[in-house]
C-alpha atoms as a PDB file:
ATOM      1  CA  MET A   1     114.075  -1.972-121.494  1.00  0.00           C
ATOM      2  CA  GLU A   2     114.700   0.314-124.451  1.00  0.00           C
ATOM      3  CA  PHE A   3     112.238   0.422-127.348  1.00  0.00           C
ATOM      4  CA  THR A   4     112.457   2.054-130.767  1.00  0.00           C
ATOM      5  CA  ILE A   5     109.643   3.247-133.016  1.00  0.00           C
ATOM      6  CA  GLY A   6     108.580   0.486-135.396  1.00  0.00           C
ATOM      7  CA  GLN A   7     109.936  -2.274-133.162  1.00  0.00           C
ATOM      8  CA  ARG A   8     107.893  -5.466-132.951  1.00  0.00           C
ATOM      9  CA  VAL A   9     106.626  -6.202-129.421  1.00  0.00           C
ATOM     10  CA  GLU A  10     104.342  -8.603-127.566  1.00  0.00           C
ATOM     11  CA  ALA A  11     102.064  -7.631-124.696  1.00  0.00           C
ATOM     12  CA  HIS A  12     102.718  -9.380-121.384  1.00  0.00           C
ATOM     13  CA  PRO A  13     100.373 -12.383-120.844  1.00  0.00           C
ATOM     14  CA  ALA A  14      99.022 -10.768-117.648  1.00  0.00           C
ATOM     15  CA  THR A  15      97.461  -7.826-119.555  1.00  0.00           C
ATOM     16  CA  ASP A  16      93.817  -7.592-120.623  1.00  0.00           C
ATOM     17  CA  ALA A  17      94.954  -6.845-124.179  1.00  0.00           C
ATOM     18  CA  TRP A  18      96.851 -10.148-124.402  1.00  0.00           C
ATOM     19  CA  MET A  19      93.923 -12.109-122.933  1.00  0.00           C
ATOM     20  CA  SER A  20      91.523 -10.576-125.463  1.00  0.00           C
ATOM     21  CA  GLY A  21      93.732 -11.640-128.378  1.00  0.00           C
ATOM     22  CA  ASP A  22      95.685  -8.406-128.916  1.00  0.00           C
ATOM     23  CA  GLN A  23      99.089  -9.999-128.423  1.00  0.00           C
ATOM     24  CA  PHE A  24     101.454  -8.457-130.983  1.00  0.00           C
ATOM     25  CA  GLY A  25     102.038  -5.005-132.414  1.00  0.00           C
ATOM     26  CA  ASN A  26     104.489  -2.293-133.446  1.00  0.00           C
ATOM     27  CA  VAL A  27     105.707   0.596-131.300  1.00  0.00           C
ATOM     28  CA  GLN A  28     104.205   3.891-132.527  1.00  0.00           C
ATOM     29  CA  LYS A  29     105.305   6.368-129.861  1.00  0.00           C
ATOM     30  CA  ILE A  30     107.486   6.329-126.763  1.00  0.00           C
ATOM     31  CA  GLY A  31     106.437   8.572-123.900  1.00  0.00           C
ATOM     32  CA  ARG A  32     107.928   9.141-120.470  1.00  0.00           C
ATOM     33  CA  LYS A  33     105.441   6.810-118.798  1.00  0.00           C
ATOM     34  CA  TYR A  34     103.884   4.670-121.555  1.00  0.00           C
ATOM     35  CA  VAL A  35     104.810   3.008-124.830  1.00  0.00           C
ATOM     36  CA  HIS A  36     102.076   3.337-127.480  1.00  0.00           C
ATOM     37  CA  VAL A  37     101.639   0.163-129.549  1.00  0.00           C
ATOM     38  CA  LEU A  38      99.559  -0.310-132.717  1.00  0.00           C
ATOM     39  CA  MET A  39      98.078  -3.775-132.211  1.00  0.00           C
ATOM     40  CA  ASP A  40      97.826  -6.225-135.116  1.00  0.00           C
ATOM     41  CA  ARG A  41      94.495  -7.879-134.404  1.00  0.00           C
ATOM     42  CA  SER A  42      92.311  -4.909-133.420  1.00  0.00           C
ATOM     43  CA  GLY A  43      94.168  -2.087-135.166  1.00  0.00           C
ATOM     44  CA  ARG A  44      93.912  -0.024-131.972  1.00  0.00           C
ATOM     45  CA  VAL A  45      96.742   1.919-130.385  1.00  0.00           C
ATOM     46  CA  ARG A  46      97.133   0.725-126.806  1.00  0.00           C
ATOM     47  CA  LYS A  47      99.296   2.240-124.078  1.00  0.00           C
ATOM     48  CA  PHE A  48     101.509  -0.033-121.989  1.00  0.00           C
ATOM     49  CA  PRO A  49     104.087   0.597-119.280  1.00  0.00           C
ATOM     50  CA  ALA A  50     107.460  -0.545-120.637  1.00  0.00           C
ATOM     51  CA  ASP A  51     107.716  -3.398-118.131  1.00  0.00           C
ATOM     52  CA  LEU A  52     104.571  -5.032-119.587  1.00  0.00           C
ATOM     53  CA  LEU A  53     106.011  -5.386-123.102  1.00  0.00           C
ATOM     54  CA  LEU A  54     108.236  -8.144-124.446  1.00  0.00           C
ATOM     55  CA  SER A  55     110.574  -7.521-127.373  1.00  0.00           C
ATOM     56  CA  ARG A  56     110.102  -9.866-130.375  1.00  0.00           C
END
């Protein structure tokens, strides 16, 4: 799946971030291996493999 910087995404329900309430965020950086997402609830930047993110 292709992502762009600033795109709204949701973490996959199987991730620890989603289970702890960090469900939604905006893409900050796109690397070769991980997509960096600034999460809404915690304000942290979390790294996810692209297959564990859902486009919103």
